[in-house]
Protein backbone atom coordinates (compact mmCIF):
# COMPACT_ATOMS: atom_id res chain seq x y z
CA UNK A 1 0.00 0.00 0.00
CA UNK A 2 1.32 3.51 -0.85
CA UNK A 3 2.76 4.69 2.50
CA UNK A 4 -0.72 4.59 4.06
CA UNK A 5 -1.09 3.33 7.60
CA UNK A 6 -2.96 0.05 7.73
CA UNK A 7 -6.01 0.17 9.96
CA UNK A 8 -7.09 -3.45 9.56
CA UNK A 9 -6.31 -6.49 7.47
CA UNK A 10 -9.24 -8.24 5.83
CA UNK A 11 -9.57 -11.55 4.06
CA UNK A 12 -11.87 -11.31 1.03
CA UNK A 13 -12.33 -14.34 -1.22
CA UNK A 14 -9.33 -15.97 0.41
CA UNK A 15 -7.04 -13.00 -0.29
CA UNK A 16 -5.61 -10.77 2.44
CA UNK A 17 -6.21 -7.06 1.91
CA UNK A 18 -4.89 -4.05 3.82
CA UNK A 19 -7.45 -1.35 4.60
CA UNK A 20 -6.13 2.14 5.27
CA UNK A 21 -7.50 4.50 7.92
CA UNK A 22 -8.73 6.71 5.06
CA UNK A 23 -10.67 3.83 3.47
CA UNK A 24 -12.08 2.80 6.84
CA UNK A 25 -13.19 6.36 7.64
CA UNK A 26 -14.86 6.69 4.23
CA UNK A 27 -16.63 3.36 4.66
CA UNK A 28 -17.89 4.37 8.11
CA UNK A 29 -19.04 7.74 6.77
CA UNK A 30 -20.98 6.13 3.90
CA UNK A 31 -22.64 3.63 6.24
CA UNK A 32 -23.62 6.34 8.71
CA UNK A 33 -25.08 8.53 5.97
CA UNK A 34 -27.09 5.59 4.61
CA UNK A 35 -28.49 4.82 8.08
CA UNK A 36 -29.46 8.45 8.69
CA UNK A 37 -31.13 8.73 5.28
CA UNK A 38 -33.14 5.55 5.92
CA UNK A 39 -34.23 6.74 9.35
CA UNK A 40 -35.39 10.10 7.93
CA UNK A 41 -37.05 8.44 4.93
CA UNK A 42 -38.94 6.04 7.21
CA UNK A 43 -39.87 9.00 9.44
CA UNK A 44 -38.17 7.49 12.48
CA UNK A 45 -36.39 10.78 13.08
CA UNK A 46 -36.65 14.35 11.83
CA UNK A 47 -33.53 16.05 10.43
CA UNK A 48 -33.88 18.78 13.07
CA UNK A 49 -33.87 16.14 15.83
CA UNK A 50 -30.65 14.71 14.44
CA UNK A 51 -29.00 18.14 14.34
CA UNK A 52 -30.11 18.87 17.91
CA UNK A 53 -28.75 15.55 19.14
CA UNK A 54 -25.47 16.10 17.29
CA UNK A 55 -25.11 19.47 19.02
CA UNK A 56 -25.88 17.87 22.40
CA UNK A 57 -23.32 15.10 21.86
CA UNK A 58 -20.75 17.65 20.68
CA UNK A 59 -21.22 19.71 23.86
CA UNK A 60 -20.94 16.60 26.06
CA UNK A 61 -17.93 15.19 24.26
CA UNK A 62 -15.93 18.36 23.73
CA UNK A 63 -16.46 20.15 27.03
CA UNK A 64 -13.56 21.45 29.10
CA UNK A 65 -12.11 18.85 31.43
CA UNK A 66 -13.28 19.17 35.01
CA UNK A 67 -10.60 19.89 37.58
CA UNK A 68 -9.79 16.94 39.87
CA UNK A 69 -11.81 16.83 43.09
CA UNK A 70 -9.80 17.38 46.25
PDB file of N, CA and C in Angstrom:
ATOM      1  N   UNK A   1       0.846  -1.175   0.000  1.00  0.00           N
ATOM      2  CA  UNK A   1       0.000   0.000   0.000  1.00  0.00           C
ATOM      3  C   UNK A   1       0.894   1.241   0.000  1.00  0.00           C
ATOM      4  N   UNK A   2       0.484   2.315  -0.654  1.00  0.00           N
ATOM      5  CA  UNK A   2       1.320   3.505  -0.848  1.00  0.00           C
ATOM      6  C   UNK A   2       1.514   4.319   0.425  1.00  0.00           C
ATOM      7  N   UNK A   3       2.421   3.936   1.292  1.00  0.00           N
ATOM      8  CA  UNK A   3       2.760   4.687   2.503  1.00  0.00           C
ATOM      9  C   UNK A   3       1.554   5.045   3.367  1.00  0.00           C
ATOM     10  N   UNK A   4       0.448   4.338   3.220  1.00  0.00           N
ATOM     11  CA  UNK A   4      -0.720   4.593   4.055  1.00  0.00           C
ATOM     12  C   UNK A   4      -0.653   3.658   5.248  1.00  0.00           C
ATOM     13  N   UNK A   5      -1.055   4.176   6.406  1.00  0.00           N
ATOM     14  CA  UNK A   5      -1.090   3.325   7.595  1.00  0.00           C
ATOM     15  C   UNK A   5      -2.236   2.332   7.464  1.00  0.00           C
ATOM     16  N   UNK A   6      -1.954   1.104   7.802  1.00  0.00           N
ATOM     17  CA  UNK A   6      -2.955   0.047   7.726  1.00  0.00           C
ATOM     18  C   UNK A   6      -3.788   0.064   9.002  1.00  0.00           C
ATOM     19  N   UNK A   7      -5.098   0.171   8.823  1.00  0.00           N
ATOM     20  CA  UNK A   7      -6.015   0.173   9.965  1.00  0.00           C
ATOM     21  C   UNK A   7      -6.387  -1.257  10.339  1.00  0.00           C
ATOM     22  N   UNK A   8      -6.719  -2.054   9.332  1.00  0.00           N
ATOM     23  CA  UNK A   8      -7.086  -3.452   9.555  1.00  0.00           C
ATOM     24  C   UNK A   8      -6.659  -4.276   8.347  1.00  0.00           C
ATOM     25  N   UNK A   9      -6.558  -5.557   8.568  1.00  0.00           N
ATOM     26  CA  UNK A   9      -6.310  -6.491   7.467  1.00  0.00           C
ATOM     27  C   UNK A   9      -7.572  -7.334   7.332  1.00  0.00           C
ATOM     28  N   UNK A  10      -8.034  -7.472   6.094  1.00  0.00           N
ATOM     29  CA  UNK A  10      -9.243  -8.243   5.832  1.00  0.00           C
ATOM     30  C   UNK A  10      -8.900  -9.400   4.911  1.00  0.00           C
ATOM     31  N   UNK A  11      -9.689 -10.452   5.004  1.00  0.00           N
ATOM     32  CA  UNK A  11      -9.572 -11.548   4.059  1.00  0.00           C
ATOM     33  C   UNK A  11     -10.860 -11.569   3.256  1.00  0.00           C
ATOM     34  N   UNK A  12     -10.721 -11.337   1.941  1.00  0.00           N
ATOM     35  CA  UNK A  12     -11.868 -11.314   1.035  1.00  0.00           C
ATOM     36  C   UNK A  12     -11.597 -12.327  -0.070  1.00  0.00           C
ATOM     37  N   UNK A  13     -12.488 -13.275  -0.222  1.00  0.00           N
ATOM     38  CA  UNK A  13     -12.328 -14.335  -1.222  1.00  0.00           C
ATOM     39  C   UNK A  13     -10.984 -15.045  -1.083  1.00  0.00           C
ATOM     40  N   UNK A  14     -10.568 -15.261   0.150  1.00  0.00           N
ATOM     41  CA  UNK A  14      -9.329 -15.975   0.408  1.00  0.00           C
ATOM     42  C   UNK A  14      -8.063 -15.151   0.232  1.00  0.00           C
ATOM     43  N   UNK A  15      -8.203 -13.866  -0.109  1.00  0.00           N
ATOM     44  CA  UNK A  15      -7.036 -13.001  -0.286  1.00  0.00           C
ATOM     45  C   UNK A  15      -6.982 -11.959   0.817  1.00  0.00           C
ATOM     46  N   UNK A  16      -5.786 -11.775   1.390  1.00  0.00           N
ATOM     47  CA  UNK A  16      -5.607 -10.774   2.436  1.00  0.00           C
ATOM     48  C   UNK A  16      -5.523  -9.393   1.799  1.00  0.00           C
ATOM     49  N   UNK A  17      -6.194  -8.426   2.422  1.00  0.00           N
ATOM     50  CA  UNK A  17      -6.210  -7.060   1.909  1.00  0.00           C
ATOM     51  C   UNK A  17      -5.994  -6.087   3.047  1.00  0.00           C
ATOM     52  N   UNK A  18      -5.103  -5.113   2.844  1.00  0.00           N
ATOM     53  CA  UNK A  18      -4.888  -4.051   3.825  1.00  0.00           C
ATOM     54  C   UNK A  18      -5.912  -2.950   3.593  1.00  0.00           C
ATOM     55  N   UNK A  19      -6.496  -2.453   4.681  1.00  0.00           N
ATOM     56  CA  UNK A  19      -7.452  -1.348   4.602  1.00  0.00           C
ATOM     57  C   UNK A  19      -6.846  -0.175   5.354  1.00  0.00           C
ATOM     58  N   UNK A  20      -6.735   0.954   4.663  1.00  0.00           N
ATOM     59  CA  UNK A  20      -6.128   2.139   5.274  1.00  0.00           C
ATOM     60  C   UNK A  20      -7.135   2.841   6.191  1.00  0.00           C
ATOM     61  N   UNK A  21      -6.624   3.706   7.049  1.00  0.00           N
ATOM     62  CA  UNK A  21      -7.495   4.497   7.916  1.00  0.00           C
ATOM     63  C   UNK A  21      -8.426   5.360   7.065  1.00  0.00           C
ATOM     64  N   UNK A  22      -7.918   5.877   5.949  1.00  0.00           N
ATOM     65  CA  UNK A  22      -8.730   6.706   5.059  1.00  0.00           C
ATOM     66  C   UNK A  22      -9.893   5.901   4.481  1.00  0.00           C
ATOM     67  N   UNK A  23      -9.614   4.692   4.020  1.00  0.00           N
ATOM     68  CA  UNK A  23     -10.669   3.831   3.471  1.00  0.00           C
ATOM     69  C   UNK A  23     -11.680   3.445   4.542  1.00  0.00           C
ATOM     70  N   UNK A  24     -11.199   3.171   5.738  1.00  0.00           N
ATOM     71  CA  UNK A  24     -12.079   2.799   6.837  1.00  0.00           C
ATOM     72  C   UNK A  24     -12.976   3.967   7.233  1.00  0.00           C
ATOM     73  N   UNK A  25     -12.409   5.173   7.296  1.00  0.00           N
ATOM     74  CA  UNK A  25     -13.190   6.363   7.639  1.00  0.00           C
ATOM     75  C   UNK A  25     -14.256   6.621   6.575  1.00  0.00           C
ATOM     76  N   UNK A  26     -13.898   6.479   5.305  1.00  0.00           N
ATOM     77  CA  UNK A  26     -14.858   6.693   4.227  1.00  0.00           C
ATOM     78  C   UNK A  26     -15.981   5.665   4.308  1.00  0.00           C
ATOM     79  N   UNK A  27     -15.637   4.409   4.544  1.00  0.00           N
ATOM     80  CA  UNK A  27     -16.635   3.362   4.659  1.00  0.00           C
ATOM     81  C   UNK A  27     -17.598   3.642   5.812  1.00  0.00           C
ATOM     82  N   UNK A  28     -17.056   4.041   6.959  1.00  0.00           N
ATOM     83  CA  UNK A  28     -17.894   4.372   8.114  1.00  0.00           C
ATOM     84  C   UNK A  28     -18.805   5.553   7.800  1.00  0.00           C
ATOM     85  N   UNK A  29     -18.265   6.566   7.118  1.00  0.00           N
ATOM     86  CA  UNK A  29     -19.045   7.744   6.768  1.00  0.00           C
ATOM     87  C   UNK A  29     -20.200   7.382   5.837  1.00  0.00           C
ATOM     88  N   UNK A  30     -19.940   6.543   4.830  1.00  0.00           N
ATOM     89  CA  UNK A  30     -20.983   6.127   3.899  1.00  0.00           C
ATOM     90  C   UNK A  30     -22.072   5.329   4.612  1.00  0.00           C
ATOM     91  N   UNK A  31     -21.668   4.436   5.500  1.00  0.00           N
ATOM     92  CA  UNK A  31     -22.642   3.632   6.240  1.00  0.00           C
ATOM     93  C   UNK A  31     -23.505   4.505   7.140  1.00  0.00           C
ATOM     94  N   UNK A  32     -22.879   5.455   7.828  1.00  0.00           N
ATOM     95  CA  UNK A  32     -23.623   6.344   8.715  1.00  0.00           C
ATOM     96  C   UNK A  32     -24.614   7.195   7.930  1.00  0.00           C
ATOM     97  N   UNK A  33     -24.175   7.726   6.793  1.00  0.00           N
ATOM     98  CA  UNK A  33     -25.079   8.530   5.966  1.00  0.00           C
ATOM     99  C   UNK A  33     -26.260   7.694   5.479  1.00  0.00           C
ATOM    100  N   UNK A  34     -26.012   6.455   5.075  1.00  0.00           N
ATOM    101  CA  UNK A  34     -27.093   5.588   4.609  1.00  0.00           C
ATOM    102  C   UNK A  34     -28.096   5.320   5.733  1.00  0.00           C
ATOM    103  N   UNK A  35     -27.603   5.072   6.935  1.00  0.00           N
ATOM    104  CA  UNK A  35     -28.491   4.817   8.080  1.00  0.00           C
ATOM    105  C   UNK A  35     -29.341   6.043   8.388  1.00  0.00           C
ATOM    106  N   UNK A  36     -28.720   7.218   8.405  1.00  0.00           N
ATOM    107  CA  UNK A  36     -29.461   8.449   8.692  1.00  0.00           C
ATOM    108  C   UNK A  36     -30.522   8.691   7.623  1.00  0.00           C
ATOM    109  N   UNK A  37     -30.155   8.522   6.361  1.00  0.00           N
ATOM    110  CA  UNK A  37     -31.130   8.728   5.279  1.00  0.00           C
ATOM    111  C   UNK A  37     -32.319   7.782   5.415  1.00  0.00           C
ATOM    112  N   UNK A  38     -32.048   6.509   5.737  1.00  0.00           N
ATOM    113  CA  UNK A  38     -33.136   5.549   5.921  1.00  0.00           C
ATOM    114  C   UNK A  38     -34.036   5.946   7.088  1.00  0.00           C
ATOM    115  N   UNK A  39     -33.440   6.365   8.176  1.00  0.00           N
ATOM    116  CA  UNK A  39     -34.230   6.742   9.350  1.00  0.00           C
ATOM    117  C   UNK A  39     -35.116   7.952   9.062  1.00  0.00           C
ATOM    118  N   UNK A  40     -34.587   8.920   8.307  1.00  0.00           N
ATOM    119  CA  UNK A  40     -35.388  10.096   7.929  1.00  0.00           C
ATOM    120  C   UNK A  40     -36.472   9.683   6.937  1.00  0.00           C
ATOM    121  N   UNK A  41     -36.100   8.886   5.944  1.00  0.00           N
ATOM    122  CA  UNK A  41     -37.050   8.435   4.926  1.00  0.00           C
ATOM    123  C   UNK A  41     -38.206   7.658   5.545  1.00  0.00           C
ATOM    124  N   UNK A  42     -37.916   6.842   6.548  1.00  0.00           N
ATOM    125  CA  UNK A  42     -38.944   6.040   7.208  1.00  0.00           C
ATOM    126  C   UNK A  42     -39.635   6.810   8.334  1.00  0.00           C
ATOM    127  N   UNK A  43     -39.277   8.094   8.442  1.00  0.00           N
ATOM    128  CA  UNK A  43     -39.874   8.998   9.440  1.00  0.00           C
ATOM    129  C   UNK A  43     -39.671   8.522  10.874  1.00  0.00           C
ATOM    130  N   UNK A  44     -38.526   7.881  11.121  1.00  0.00           N
ATOM    131  CA  UNK A  44     -38.172   7.487  12.481  1.00  0.00           C
ATOM    132  C   UNK A  44     -37.576   8.662  13.236  1.00  0.00           C
ATOM    133  N   UNK A  45     -36.937   9.558  12.502  1.00  0.00           N
ATOM    134  CA  UNK A  45     -36.390  10.785  13.079  1.00  0.00           C
ATOM    135  C   UNK A  45     -36.633  11.930  12.106  1.00  0.00           C
ATOM    136  N   UNK A  46     -36.598  13.141  12.639  1.00  0.00           N
ATOM    137  CA  UNK A  46     -36.652  14.348  11.829  1.00  0.00           C
ATOM    138  C   UNK A  46     -35.236  14.893  11.711  1.00  0.00           C
ATOM    139  N   UNK A  47     -34.879  15.483  10.573  1.00  0.00           N
ATOM    140  CA  UNK A  47     -33.531  16.046  10.433  1.00  0.00           C
ATOM    141  C   UNK A  47     -33.179  17.028  11.547  1.00  0.00           C
ATOM    142  N   UNK A  48     -34.151  17.813  11.994  1.00  0.00           N
ATOM    143  CA  UNK A  48     -33.877  18.784  13.073  1.00  0.00           C
ATOM    144  C   UNK A  48     -33.529  18.061  14.378  1.00  0.00           C
ATOM    145  N   UNK A  49     -34.189  16.921  14.639  1.00  0.00           N
ATOM    146  CA  UNK A  49     -33.871  16.137  15.833  1.00  0.00           C
ATOM    147  C   UNK A  49     -32.433  15.640  15.780  1.00  0.00           C
ATOM    148  N   UNK A  50     -32.018  15.196  14.614  1.00  0.00           N
ATOM    149  CA  UNK A  50     -30.650  14.714  14.442  1.00  0.00           C
ATOM    150  C   UNK A  50     -29.654  15.835  14.717  1.00  0.00           C
ATOM    151  N   UNK A  51     -29.904  17.003  14.134  1.00  0.00           N
ATOM    152  CA  UNK A  51     -28.995  18.138  14.338  1.00  0.00           C
ATOM    153  C   UNK A  51     -28.931  18.548  15.807  1.00  0.00           C
ATOM    154  N   UNK A  52     -30.088  18.536  16.476  1.00  0.00           N
ATOM    155  CA  UNK A  52     -30.114  18.875  17.906  1.00  0.00           C
ATOM    156  C   UNK A  52     -29.315  17.862  18.724  1.00  0.00           C
ATOM    157  N   UNK A  53     -29.476  16.585  18.411  1.00  0.00           N
ATOM    158  CA  UNK A  53     -28.747  15.551  19.140  1.00  0.00           C
ATOM    159  C   UNK A  53     -27.254  15.634  18.858  1.00  0.00           C
ATOM    160  N   UNK A  54     -26.892  15.939  17.625  1.00  0.00           N
ATOM    161  CA  UNK A  54     -25.475  16.099  17.293  1.00  0.00           C
ATOM    162  C   UNK A  54     -24.863  17.239  18.099  1.00  0.00           C
ATOM    163  N   UNK A  55     -25.597  18.325  18.239  1.00  0.00           N
ATOM    164  CA  UNK A  55     -25.111  19.466  19.022  1.00  0.00           C
ATOM    165  C   UNK A  55     -24.968  19.079  20.493  1.00  0.00           C
ATOM    166  N   UNK A  56     -25.942  18.328  21.011  1.00  0.00           N
ATOM    167  CA  UNK A  56     -25.885  17.871  22.400  1.00  0.00           C
ATOM    168  C   UNK A  56     -24.665  16.984  22.634  1.00  0.00           C
ATOM    169  N   UNK A  57     -24.464  16.015  21.731  1.00  0.00           N
ATOM    170  CA  UNK A  57     -23.322  15.100  21.860  1.00  0.00           C
ATOM    171  C   UNK A  57     -22.012  15.874  21.760  1.00  0.00           C
ATOM    172  N   UNK A  58     -21.952  16.826  20.847  1.00  0.00           N
ATOM    173  CA  UNK A  58     -20.750  17.647  20.684  1.00  0.00           C
ATOM    174  C   UNK A  58     -20.420  18.394  21.976  1.00  0.00           C
ATOM    175  N   UNK A  59     -21.441  18.975  22.601  1.00  0.00           N
ATOM    176  CA  UNK A  59     -21.224  19.710  23.861  1.00  0.00           C
ATOM    177  C   UNK A  59     -20.766  18.768  24.971  1.00  0.00           C
ATOM    178  N   UNK A  60     -21.334  17.574  25.037  1.00  0.00           N
ATOM    179  CA  UNK A  60     -20.941  16.600  26.056  1.00  0.00           C
ATOM    180  C   UNK A  60     -19.520  16.100  25.833  1.00  0.00           C
ATOM    181  N   UNK A  61     -19.202  15.814  24.596  1.00  0.00           N
ATOM    182  CA  UNK A  61     -17.927  15.191  24.264  1.00  0.00           C
ATOM    183  C   UNK A  61     -16.761  16.171  24.288  1.00  0.00           C
ATOM    184  N   UNK A  62     -17.019  17.402  23.879  1.00  0.00           N
ATOM    185  CA  UNK A  62     -15.931  18.363  23.729  1.00  0.00           C
ATOM    186  C   UNK A  62     -15.961  19.470  24.778  1.00  0.00           C
ATOM    187  N   UNK A  63     -16.457  19.150  25.954  1.00  0.00           N
ATOM    188  CA  UNK A  63     -16.460  20.155  27.027  1.00  0.00           C
ATOM    189  C   UNK A  63     -15.078  20.224  27.662  1.00  0.00           C
ATOM    190  N   UNK A  64     -14.851  21.292  28.402  1.00  0.00           N
ATOM    191  CA  UNK A  64     -13.561  21.445  29.102  1.00  0.00           C
ATOM    192  C   UNK A  64     -13.459  20.388  30.180  1.00  0.00           C
ATOM    193  N   UNK A  65     -12.266  19.850  30.375  1.00  0.00           N
ATOM    194  CA  UNK A  65     -12.113  18.851  31.430  1.00  0.00           C
ATOM    195  C   UNK A  65     -12.369  19.469  32.795  1.00  0.00           C
ATOM    196  N   UNK A  66     -13.007  18.680  33.646  1.00  0.00           N
ATOM    197  CA  UNK A  66     -13.283  19.167  35.009  1.00  0.00           C
ATOM    198  C   UNK A  66     -12.035  19.021  35.844  1.00  0.00           C
ATOM    199  N   UNK A  67     -11.781  20.007  36.722  1.00  0.00           N
ATOM    200  CA  UNK A  67     -10.595  19.890  37.576  1.00  0.00           C
ATOM    201  C   UNK A  67     -10.774  18.714  38.549  1.00  0.00           C
ATOM    202  N   UNK A  68      -9.666  18.082  38.932  1.00  0.00           N
ATOM    203  CA  UNK A  68      -9.794  16.943  39.871  1.00  0.00           C
ATOM    204  C   UNK A  68     -10.369  17.388  41.200  1.00  0.00           C
ATOM    205  N   UNK A  69     -11.202  16.518  41.786  1.00  0.00           N
ATOM    206  CA  UNK A  69     -11.813  16.827  43.094  1.00  0.00           C
ATOM    207  C   UNK A  69     -10.804  16.572  44.189  1.00  0.00           C
ATOM    208  N   UNK A  70     -10.772  17.487  45.161  1.00  0.00           N
ATOM    209  CA  UNK A  70      -9.800  17.382  46.252  1.00  0.00           C
ATOM    210  C   UNK A  70     -10.247  16.424  47.321  1.00  0.00           C
TER     211      UNK A  70
END
